[in-house]
Amino acid sequence: MRRKIVAGNWKMNTTVQEGLELAEAVAKNAEKGMPEGVSIILAPPFTHIAGIKEVIPDFIGLAAQNCATEESGAFTGEVSAGMIASAGAQYVITGHSERRSIYRETDLELNKKVKTAIKNKLSPVFCCGENLDERQKGIHSEVVRKQIEKGLADITKDDFQKIIIAYEPVWAIGTGKTATPGQAQEMHHFIRNLLKELYGEKIADQTSILYGGSCKPSNAAEIFENIDVDGGLIGGASLKADDFMAIARSF
């Protein structure tokens, strides 16, 4: 059975103290009980990871929002996968649409990030998805295929088992728009079939594919009902503990 996952991407929000308080509130809420088989992951800013690790229970995972392509060296301002792992995280988000669009990260760079993450025993949450222009032109499937084929090139089947996919309709991030449940299922099904083509049926069936794009308590249950949607990568709603946990209990 595939893991059901709800991951909160805090982006560039909260001070260290605010982040600790938010993590503690999530943990306190989660300890009241969770649906069977549902995992929670928090992705705070780099500065918060080590502190949050100390205040959350082991059943809540920790992710960084990005990592460097390189292991170490003269790369001022970068944070390596090894540093992230040493701070207590188990996951790292790679290829978020904001990294692709604002910082112009390429598929080749993302491929390097995925590989260095796996080398350092981090599980990549690999993001893919089309923008509004690509959706309107009807090339969204081709865009996602290219992102996955290039961004996850040369990953062994054993290593692929560590990867989580997050499908982000970029036009629905921070806009208030949301893909319909049908649109979400269509793309998740396409991605699962692509994984089957590239890596075989076993890996396709066991890979968790999350939806990211203005998911909130009011629409999460309807989105999560889709057979190929295994959870969500949550942005704004993850900054309120009660909203985030309401989404996590939407299965």
C-alpha atoms as a PDB file:
ATOM      1  CA  MET A   1       0.000   0.000   0.000  1.00  0.00           C
ATOM      2  CA  ARG A   2       1.298   3.467  -0.887  1.00  0.00           C
ATOM      3  CA  ARG A   3       2.035   5.915   1.901  1.00  0.00           C
ATOM      4  CA  LYS A   4      -0.453   8.726   2.357  1.00  0.00           C
ATOM      5  CA  ILE A   5       1.526  11.920   2.997  1.00  0.00           C
ATOM      6  CA  VAL A   6       0.661  15.487   3.887  1.00  0.00           C
ATOM      7  CA  ALA A   7       3.718  17.759   3.724  1.00  0.00           C
ATOM      8  CA  GLY A   8       3.734  21.389   4.836  1.00  0.00           C
ATOM      9  CA  ASN A   9       6.007  23.716   2.857  1.00  0.00           C
ATOM     10  CA  TRP A  10       6.400  26.834   4.986  1.00  0.00           C
ATOM     11  CA  LYS A  11       8.425  28.623   2.279  1.00  0.00           C
ATOM     12  CA  MET A  12      10.144  31.828   3.532  1.00  0.00           C
ATOM     13  CA  ASN A  13       7.844  32.319   6.488  1.00  0.00           C
ATOM     14  CA  THR A  14       8.169  32.371  10.304  1.00  0.00           C
ATOM     15  CA  THR A  15      11.020  33.396  12.556  1.00  0.00           C
ATOM     16  CA  VAL A  16      12.804  30.609  14.420  1.00  0.00           C
ATOM     17  CA  GLN A  17      10.619  31.130  17.486  1.00  0.00           C
ATOM     18  CA  GLU A  18       7.426  31.269  15.419  1.00  0.00           C
ATOM     19  CA  GLY A  19       8.484  28.106  13.630  1.00  0.00           C
ATOM     20  CA  LEU A  20       9.073  26.259  16.896  1.00  0.00           C
ATOM     21  CA  GLU A  21       5.642  27.308  18.137  1.00  0.00           C
ATOM     22  CA  LEU A  22       3.994  26.192  14.891  1.00  0.00           C
ATOM     23  CA  ALA A  23       5.773  22.830  14.943  1.00  0.00           C
ATOM     24  CA  GLU A  24       4.772  22.281  18.568  1.00  0.00           C
ATOM     25  CA  ALA A  25       1.152  23.133  17.746  1.00  0.00           C
ATOM     26  CA  VAL A  26       1.153  20.640  14.846  1.00  0.00           C
ATOM     27  CA  ALA A  27       2.677  17.957  17.076  1.00  0.00           C
ATOM     28  CA  LYS A  28       0.165  18.562  19.858  1.00  0.00           C
ATOM     29  CA  ASN A  29      -2.717  18.341  17.394  1.00  0.00           C
ATOM     30  CA  ALA A  30      -1.297  15.230  15.697  1.00  0.00           C
ATOM     31  CA  GLU A  31      -0.939  13.430  19.020  1.00  0.00           C
ATOM     32  CA  LYS A  32      -4.738  13.496  19.349  1.00  0.00           C
ATOM     33  CA  GLY A  33      -4.804  10.860  16.616  1.00  0.00           C
ATOM     34  CA  MET A  34      -4.230  10.478  12.900  1.00  0.00           C
ATOM     35  CA  PRO A  35      -5.927   8.454  10.166  1.00  0.00           C
ATOM     36  CA  GLU A  36      -4.206   5.106   9.782  1.00  0.00           C
ATOM     37  CA  GLY A  37      -1.355   5.135   7.296  1.00  0.00           C
ATOM     38  CA  VAL A  38      -1.103   8.939   6.980  1.00  0.00           C
ATOM     39  CA  SER A  39       2.326  10.540   7.452  1.00  0.00           C
ATOM     40  CA  ILE A  40       3.085  14.195   8.216  1.00  0.00           C
ATOM     41  CA  ILE A  41       6.166  16.053   6.981  1.00  0.00           C
ATOM     42  CA  LEU A  42       7.117  19.624   7.888  1.00  0.00           C
ATOM     43  CA  ALA A  43       9.379  21.661   5.592  1.00  0.00           C
ATOM     44  CA  PRO A  44      10.494  24.765   7.516  1.00  0.00           C
ATOM     45  CA  PRO A  45      13.289  27.165   6.524  1.00  0.00           C
ATOM     46  CA  PHE A  46      16.861  25.821   6.904  1.00  0.00           C
ATOM     47  CA  THR A  47      17.390  27.874  10.074  1.00  0.00           C
ATOM     48  CA  HIS A  48      14.614  26.047  11.900  1.00  0.00           C
ATOM     49  CA  ILE A  49      15.362  22.382  11.154  1.00  0.00           C
ATOM     50  CA  ALA A  50      17.654  21.453  14.053  1.00  0.00           C
ATOM     51  CA  GLY A  51      15.484  23.216  16.631  1.00  0.00           C
ATOM     52  CA  ILE A  52      12.246  21.732  15.356  1.00  0.00           C
ATOM     53  CA  LYS A  53      13.787  18.260  15.370  1.00  0.00           C
ATOM     54  CA  GLU A  54      14.066  18.626  19.150  1.00  0.00           C
ATOM     55  CA  VAL A  55      10.388  19.474  19.731  1.00  0.00           C
ATOM     56  CA  ILE A  56       8.485  17.098  17.437  1.00  0.00           C
ATOM     57  CA  PRO A  57       7.800  13.386  17.905  1.00  0.00           C
ATOM     58  CA  ASP A  58       9.558  10.854  15.719  1.00  0.00           C
ATOM     59  CA  PHE A  59       6.427  10.139  13.675  1.00  0.00           C
ATOM     60  CA  ILE A  60       6.555  13.638  12.139  1.00  0.00           C
ATOM     61  CA  GLY A  61       9.073  13.919   9.316  1.00  0.00           C
ATOM     62  CA  LEU A  62      11.287  16.910   8.558  1.00  0.00           C
ATOM     63  CA  ALA A  63      12.227  18.246   5.146  1.00  0.00           C
ATOM     64  CA  ALA A  64      14.392  21.028   3.798  1.00  0.00           C
ATOM     65  CA  GLN A  65      12.921  23.158   1.013  1.00  0.00           C
ATOM     66  CA  ASN A  66      15.976  22.889  -1.237  1.00  0.00           C
ATOM     67  CA  CYS A  67      19.577  21.680  -1.301  1.00  0.00           C
ATOM     68  CA  ALA A  68      22.778  22.451  -3.193  1.00  0.00           C
ATOM     69  CA  THR A  69      23.863  20.509  -6.246  1.00  0.00           C
ATOM     70  CA  GLU A  70      27.335  20.049  -4.715  1.00  0.00           C
ATOM     71  CA  GLU A  71      28.538  18.141  -1.657  1.00  0.00           C
ATOM     72  CA  SER A  72      30.762  20.903  -0.253  1.00  0.00           C
ATOM     73  CA  GLY A  73      33.169  23.641  -1.266  1.00  0.00           C
ATOM     74  CA  ALA A  74      33.366  27.340  -2.068  1.00  0.00           C
ATOM     75  CA  PHE A  75      29.642  27.898  -2.655  1.00  0.00           C
ATOM     76  CA  THR A  76      28.765  30.794  -0.386  1.00  0.00           C
ATOM     77  CA  GLY A  77      25.185  30.742   0.811  1.00  0.00           C
ATOM     78  CA  GLU A  78      24.446  27.178  -0.305  1.00  0.00           C
ATOM     79  CA  VAL A  79      23.325  24.359   1.998  1.00  0.00           C
ATOM     80  CA  SER A  80      24.358  20.810   1.137  1.00  0.00           C
ATOM     81  CA  ALA A  81      22.301  17.636   1.451  1.00  0.00           C
ATOM     82  CA  GLY A  82      24.803  16.352   4.026  1.00  0.00           C
ATOM     83  CA  MET A  83      24.292  19.454   6.181  1.00  0.00           C
ATOM     84  CA  ILE A  84      20.530  19.016   5.961  1.00  0.00           C
ATOM     85  CA  ALA A  85      20.734  15.375   7.004  1.00  0.00           C
ATOM     86  CA  SER A  86      23.058  16.240   9.909  1.00  0.00           C
ATOM     87  CA  ALA A  87      20.476  18.775  11.163  1.00  0.00           C
ATOM     88  CA  GLY A  88      17.898  15.995  11.495  1.00  0.00           C
ATOM     89  CA  ALA A  89      15.862  16.114   8.277  1.00  0.00           C
ATOM     90  CA  GLN A  90      14.898  12.999   6.342  1.00  0.00           C
ATOM     91  CA  TYR A  91      13.512  14.663   3.199  1.00  0.00           C
ATOM     92  CA  VAL A  92      14.286  17.520   0.822  1.00  0.00           C
ATOM     93  CA  ILE A  93      12.003  19.271  -1.664  1.00  0.00           C
ATOM     94  CA  THR A  94      13.567  19.506  -5.130  1.00  0.00           C
ATOM     95  CA  GLY A  95      12.273  21.332  -8.179  1.00  0.00           C
ATOM     96  CA  HIS A  96       9.515  23.351  -6.546  1.00  0.00           C
ATOM     97  CA  SER A  97       7.903  25.596  -9.137  1.00  0.00           C
ATOM     98  CA  GLU A  98       9.221  28.685  -7.371  1.00  0.00           C
ATOM     99  CA  ARG A  99      12.767  27.342  -7.645  1.00  0.00           C
ATOM    100  CA  ARG A 100      12.205  26.589 -11.319  1.00  0.00           C
ATOM    101  CA  SER A 101      10.551  29.895 -12.215  1.00  0.00           C
ATOM    102  CA  ILE A 102      12.244  32.442  -9.933  1.00  0.00           C
ATOM    103  CA  TYR A 103      15.722  30.914  -9.697  1.00  0.00           C
ATOM    104  CA  ARG A 104      15.689  29.272 -13.122  1.00  0.00           C
ATOM    105  CA  GLU A 105      16.749  25.863 -11.867  1.00  0.00           C
ATOM    106  CA  THR A 106      17.146  23.475 -14.778  1.00  0.00           C
ATOM    107  CA  ASP A 107      16.269  19.818 -15.107  1.00  0.00           C
ATOM    108  CA  LEU A 108      20.007  19.024 -15.124  1.00  0.00           C
ATOM    109  CA  GLU A 109      20.559  20.886 -11.844  1.00  0.00           C
ATOM    110  CA  LEU A 110      17.561  19.188 -10.284  1.00  0.00           C
ATOM    111  CA  ASN A 111      18.865  15.803 -11.369  1.00  0.00           C
ATOM    112  CA  LYS A 112      22.103  16.548  -9.506  1.00  0.00           C
ATOM    113  CA  LYS A 113      20.152  17.624  -6.435  1.00  0.00           C
ATOM    114  CA  VAL A 114      18.097  14.434  -6.437  1.00  0.00           C
ATOM    115  CA  LYS A 115      21.237  12.322  -6.685  1.00  0.00           C
ATOM    116  CA  THR A 116      23.117  14.144  -3.926  1.00  0.00           C
ATOM    117  CA  ALA A 117      20.031  13.951  -1.715  1.00  0.00           C
ATOM    118  CA  ILE A 118      19.790  10.190  -2.139  1.00  0.00           C
ATOM    119  CA  LYS A 119      23.549   9.820  -1.602  1.00  0.00           C
ATOM    120  CA  ASN A 120      23.105  11.555   1.747  1.00  0.00           C
ATOM    121  CA  LYS A 121      20.155   9.360   2.730  1.00  0.00           C
ATOM    122  CA  LEU A 122      17.507  12.027   2.151  1.00  0.00           C
ATOM    123  CA  SER A 123      14.272  11.225   0.351  1.00  0.00           C
ATOM    124  CA  PRO A 124      13.610  13.752  -2.425  1.00  0.00           C
ATOM    125  CA  VAL A 125      10.150  15.234  -2.823  1.00  0.00           C
ATOM    126  CA  PHE A 126      10.447  15.893  -6.557  1.00  0.00           C
ATOM    127  CA  CYS A 127       8.092  18.564  -7.879  1.00  0.00           C
ATOM    128  CA  CYS A 128       6.785  18.797 -11.423  1.00  0.00           C
ATOM    129  CA  GLY A 129       3.994  20.678 -13.139  1.00  0.00           C
ATOM    130  CA  GLU A 130       2.915  23.065 -15.868  1.00  0.00           C
ATOM    131  CA  ASN A 131       2.256  26.799 -15.867  1.00  0.00           C
ATOM    132  CA  LEU A 132      -0.955  28.441 -17.087  1.00  0.00           C
ATOM    133  CA  ASP A 133       0.314  29.036 -20.632  1.00  0.00           C
ATOM    134  CA  GLU A 134       1.354  25.386 -20.968  1.00  0.00           C
ATOM    135  CA  ARG A 135      -2.007  24.217 -19.626  1.00  0.00           C
ATOM    136  CA  GLN A 136      -3.919  26.460 -22.036  1.00  0.00           C
ATOM    137  CA  LYS A 137      -1.823  25.223 -24.975  1.00  0.00           C
ATOM    138  CA  GLY A 138      -2.633  21.633 -24.010  1.00  0.00           C
ATOM    139  CA  ILE A 139       1.012  20.625 -23.600  1.00  0.00           C
ATOM    140  CA  HIS A 140       0.889  20.019 -19.837  1.00  0.00           C
ATOM    141  CA  SER A 141       1.499  16.275 -20.175  1.00  0.00           C
ATOM    142  CA  GLU A 142       4.534  16.825 -22.402  1.00  0.00           C
ATOM    143  CA  VAL A 143       5.947  19.365 -19.940  1.00  0.00           C
ATOM    144  CA  VAL A 144       5.601  17.008 -16.983  1.00  0.00           C
ATOM    145  CA  ARG A 145       7.032  14.087 -18.965  1.00  0.00           C
ATOM    146  CA  LYS A 146      10.149  16.121 -19.792  1.00  0.00           C
ATOM    147  CA  GLN A 147      10.582  17.280 -16.194  1.00  0.00           C
ATOM    148  CA  ILE A 148      10.414  13.714 -14.887  1.00  0.00           C
ATOM    149  CA  GLU A 149      12.501  12.096 -17.612  1.00  0.00           C
ATOM    150  CA  LYS A 150      15.292  14.663 -17.278  1.00  0.00           C
ATOM    151  CA  GLY A 151      15.059  15.514 -13.598  1.00  0.00           C
ATOM    152  CA  LEU A 152      14.984  11.854 -12.539  1.00  0.00           C
ATOM    153  CA  ALA A 153      17.337  10.495 -15.208  1.00  0.00           C
ATOM    154  CA  ASP A 154      19.703   7.658 -14.292  1.00  0.00           C
ATOM    155  CA  ILE A 155      18.086   6.895 -10.938  1.00  0.00           C
ATOM    156  CA  THR A 156      18.259   3.191 -10.130  1.00  0.00           C
ATOM    157  CA  LYS A 157      15.108   1.280  -9.273  1.00  0.00           C
ATOM    158  CA  ASP A 158      16.353   0.811  -5.707  1.00  0.00           C
ATOM    159  CA  ASP A 159      16.963   4.536  -5.300  1.00  0.00           C
ATOM    160  CA  PHE A 160      13.666   5.451  -6.934  1.00  0.00           C
ATOM    161  CA  GLN A 161      11.864   3.820  -4.020  1.00  0.00           C
ATOM    162  CA  LYS A 162      13.089   6.753  -1.880  1.00  0.00           C
ATOM    163  CA  ILE A 163      11.440   9.373  -4.135  1.00  0.00           C
ATOM    164  CA  ILE A 164       8.103  11.101  -3.591  1.00  0.00           C
ATOM    165  CA  ILE A 165       6.536  12.947  -6.532  1.00  0.00           C
ATOM    166  CA  ALA A 166       4.592  16.197  -6.067  1.00  0.00           C
ATOM    167  CA  TYR A 167       2.464  17.383  -8.983  1.00  0.00           C
ATOM    168  CA  GLU A 168       2.013  21.149  -8.924  1.00  0.00           C
ATOM    169  CA  PRO A 169      -0.264  22.884 -11.399  1.00  0.00           C
ATOM    170  CA  VAL A 170       1.759  26.106 -11.226  1.00  0.00           C
ATOM    171  CA  TRP A 171      -1.285  28.157 -12.193  1.00  0.00           C
ATOM    172  CA  ALA A 172      -2.932  27.050  -8.937  1.00  0.00           C
ATOM    173  CA  ILE A 173      -0.127  27.969  -6.519  1.00  0.00           C
ATOM    174  CA  GLY A 174      -0.792  31.080  -4.478  1.00  0.00           C
ATOM    175  CA  THR A 175      -3.523  32.144  -6.900  1.00  0.00           C
ATOM    176  CA  GLY A 176      -6.519  30.765  -5.064  1.00  0.00           C
ATOM    177  CA  LYS A 177      -7.267  28.598  -8.098  1.00  0.00           C
ATOM    178  CA  THR A 178      -7.303  24.855  -7.662  1.00  0.00           C
ATOM    179  CA  ALA A 179      -7.219  22.068 -10.177  1.00  0.00           C
ATOM    180  CA  THR A 180     -10.540  20.257 -10.204  1.00  0.00           C
ATOM    181  CA  PRO A 181     -10.472  16.775  -8.677  1.00  0.00           C
ATOM    182  CA  GLY A 182     -10.782  15.457 -12.245  1.00  0.00           C
ATOM    183  CA  GLN A 183      -7.792  17.482 -13.455  1.00  0.00           C
ATOM    184  CA  ALA A 184      -5.735  16.352 -10.459  1.00  0.00           C
ATOM    185  CA  GLN A 185      -6.597  12.687 -11.034  1.00  0.00           C
ATOM    186  CA  GLU A 186      -5.903  12.969 -14.765  1.00  0.00           C
ATOM    187  CA  MET A 187      -2.359  14.245 -14.181  1.00  0.00           C
ATOM    188  CA  HIS A 188      -1.604  11.919 -11.291  1.00  0.00           C
ATOM    189  CA  HIS A 189      -2.748   8.991 -13.419  1.00  0.00           C
ATOM    190  CA  PHE A 190      -0.557  10.225 -16.279  1.00  0.00           C
ATOM    191  CA  ILE A 191       2.451  10.445 -13.946  1.00  0.00           C
ATOM    192  CA  ARG A 192       1.833   6.962 -12.559  1.00  0.00           C
ATOM    193  CA  ASN A 193       1.611   5.523 -16.063  1.00  0.00           C
ATOM    194  CA  LEU A 194       4.829   7.356 -16.984  1.00  0.00           C
ATOM    195  CA  LEU A 195       6.581   5.819 -13.963  1.00  0.00           C
ATOM    196  CA  LYS A 196       5.293   2.433 -15.053  1.00  0.00           C
ATOM    197  CA  GLU A 197       6.767   3.022 -18.507  1.00  0.00           C
ATOM    198  CA  LEU A 198      10.132   4.179 -17.112  1.00  0.00           C
ATOM    199  CA  TYR A 199      10.540   2.021 -13.995  1.00  0.00           C
ATOM    200  CA  GLY A 200       7.980  -0.752 -14.095  1.00  0.00           C
ATOM    201  CA  GLU A 201       4.623  -1.465 -12.523  1.00  0.00           C
ATOM    202  CA  LYS A 202       5.922  -2.210  -9.007  1.00  0.00           C
ATOM    203  CA  ILE A 203       7.620   1.162  -8.566  1.00  0.00           C
ATOM    204  CA  ALA A 204       4.720   3.000 -10.207  1.00  0.00           C
ATOM    205  CA  ASP A 205       2.272   1.385  -7.811  1.00  0.00           C
ATOM    206  CA  GLN A 206       4.327   2.116  -4.698  1.00  0.00           C
ATOM    207  CA  THR A 207       5.375   5.717  -5.445  1.00  0.00           C
ATOM    208  CA  SER A 208       3.428   8.332  -3.507  1.00  0.00           C
ATOM    209  CA  ILE A 209       2.259  11.197  -5.747  1.00  0.00           C
ATOM    210  CA  LEU A 210       1.151  14.326  -3.902  1.00  0.00           C
ATOM    211  CA  TYR A 211      -0.996  17.197  -5.145  1.00  0.00           C
ATOM    212  CA  GLY A 212       0.287  20.742  -4.612  1.00  0.00           C
ATOM    213  CA  GLY A 213      -1.786  23.756  -5.560  1.00  0.00           C
ATOM    214  CA  SER A 214      -4.046  25.717  -3.190  1.00  0.00           C
ATOM    215  CA  CYS A 215      -5.108  22.631  -1.259  1.00  0.00           C
ATOM    216  CA  LYS A 216      -7.036  23.619   1.871  1.00  0.00           C
ATOM    217  CA  PRO A 217      -9.409  22.068   4.418  1.00  0.00           C
ATOM    218  CA  SER A 218     -12.444  22.874   2.277  1.00  0.00           C
ATOM    219  CA  ASN A 219     -11.266  20.933  -0.801  1.00  0.00           C
ATOM    220  CA  ALA A 220      -8.723  18.398   0.475  1.00  0.00           C
ATOM    221  CA  ALA A 221     -11.121  15.478   0.987  1.00  0.00           C
ATOM    222  CA  GLU A 222     -12.490  15.742  -2.549  1.00  0.00           C
ATOM    223  CA  ILE A 223      -8.980  15.874  -4.040  1.00  0.00           C
ATOM    224  CA  PHE A 224      -7.660  13.033  -1.851  1.00  0.00           C
ATOM    225  CA  GLU A 225     -10.548  10.754  -2.871  1.00  0.00           C
ATOM    226  CA  ASN A 226      -8.897  10.257  -6.258  1.00  0.00           C
ATOM    227  CA  ILE A 227      -7.269   6.853  -6.557  1.00  0.00           C
ATOM    228  CA  ASP A 228      -3.905   8.200  -7.767  1.00  0.00           C
ATOM    229  CA  VAL A 229      -3.670  11.147  -5.346  1.00  0.00           C
ATOM    230  CA  ASP A 230      -1.697  10.085  -2.278  1.00  0.00           C
ATOM    231  CA  GLY A 231      -1.735  13.327  -0.320  1.00  0.00           C
ATOM    232  CA  GLY A 232      -0.684  16.931  -0.625  1.00  0.00           C
ATOM    233  CA  LEU A 233       2.233  19.342  -0.623  1.00  0.00           C
ATOM    234  CA  ILE A 234       0.613  22.191   1.290  1.00  0.00           C
ATOM    235  CA  GLY A 235       1.750  25.811   1.133  1.00  0.00           C
ATOM    236  CA  GLY A 236      -0.191  28.611   2.790  1.00  0.00           C
ATOM    237  CA  ALA A 237      -2.526  26.347   4.757  1.00  0.00           C
ATOM    238  CA  SER A 238       0.465  24.695   6.460  1.00  0.00           C
ATOM    239  CA  LEU A 239       1.175  27.931   8.364  1.00  0.00           C
ATOM    240  CA  LYS A 240      -1.883  27.365  10.559  1.00  0.00           C
ATOM    241  CA  ALA A 241      -1.636  24.196  12.612  1.00  0.00           C
ATOM    242  CA  ASP A 242      -5.387  23.559  12.740  1.00  0.00           C
ATOM    243  CA  ASP A 243      -5.819  24.018   8.974  1.00  0.00           C
ATOM    244  CA  PHE A 244      -2.839  21.791   8.217  1.00  0.00           C
ATOM    245  CA  MET A 245      -4.050  19.038  10.500  1.00  0.00           C
ATOM    246  CA  ALA A 246      -7.592  19.321   9.100  1.00  0.00           C
ATOM    247  CA  ILE A 247      -6.077  18.594   5.680  1.00  0.00           C
ATOM    248  CA  ALA A 248      -4.105  15.658   7.118  1.00  0.00           C
ATOM    249  CA  ARG A 249      -7.339  14.225   8.506  1.00  0.00           C
ATOM    250  CA  SER A 250      -9.149  14.612   5.197  1.00  0.00           C
ATOM    251  CA  PHE A 251      -8.425  11.056   4.022  1.00  0.00           C
END
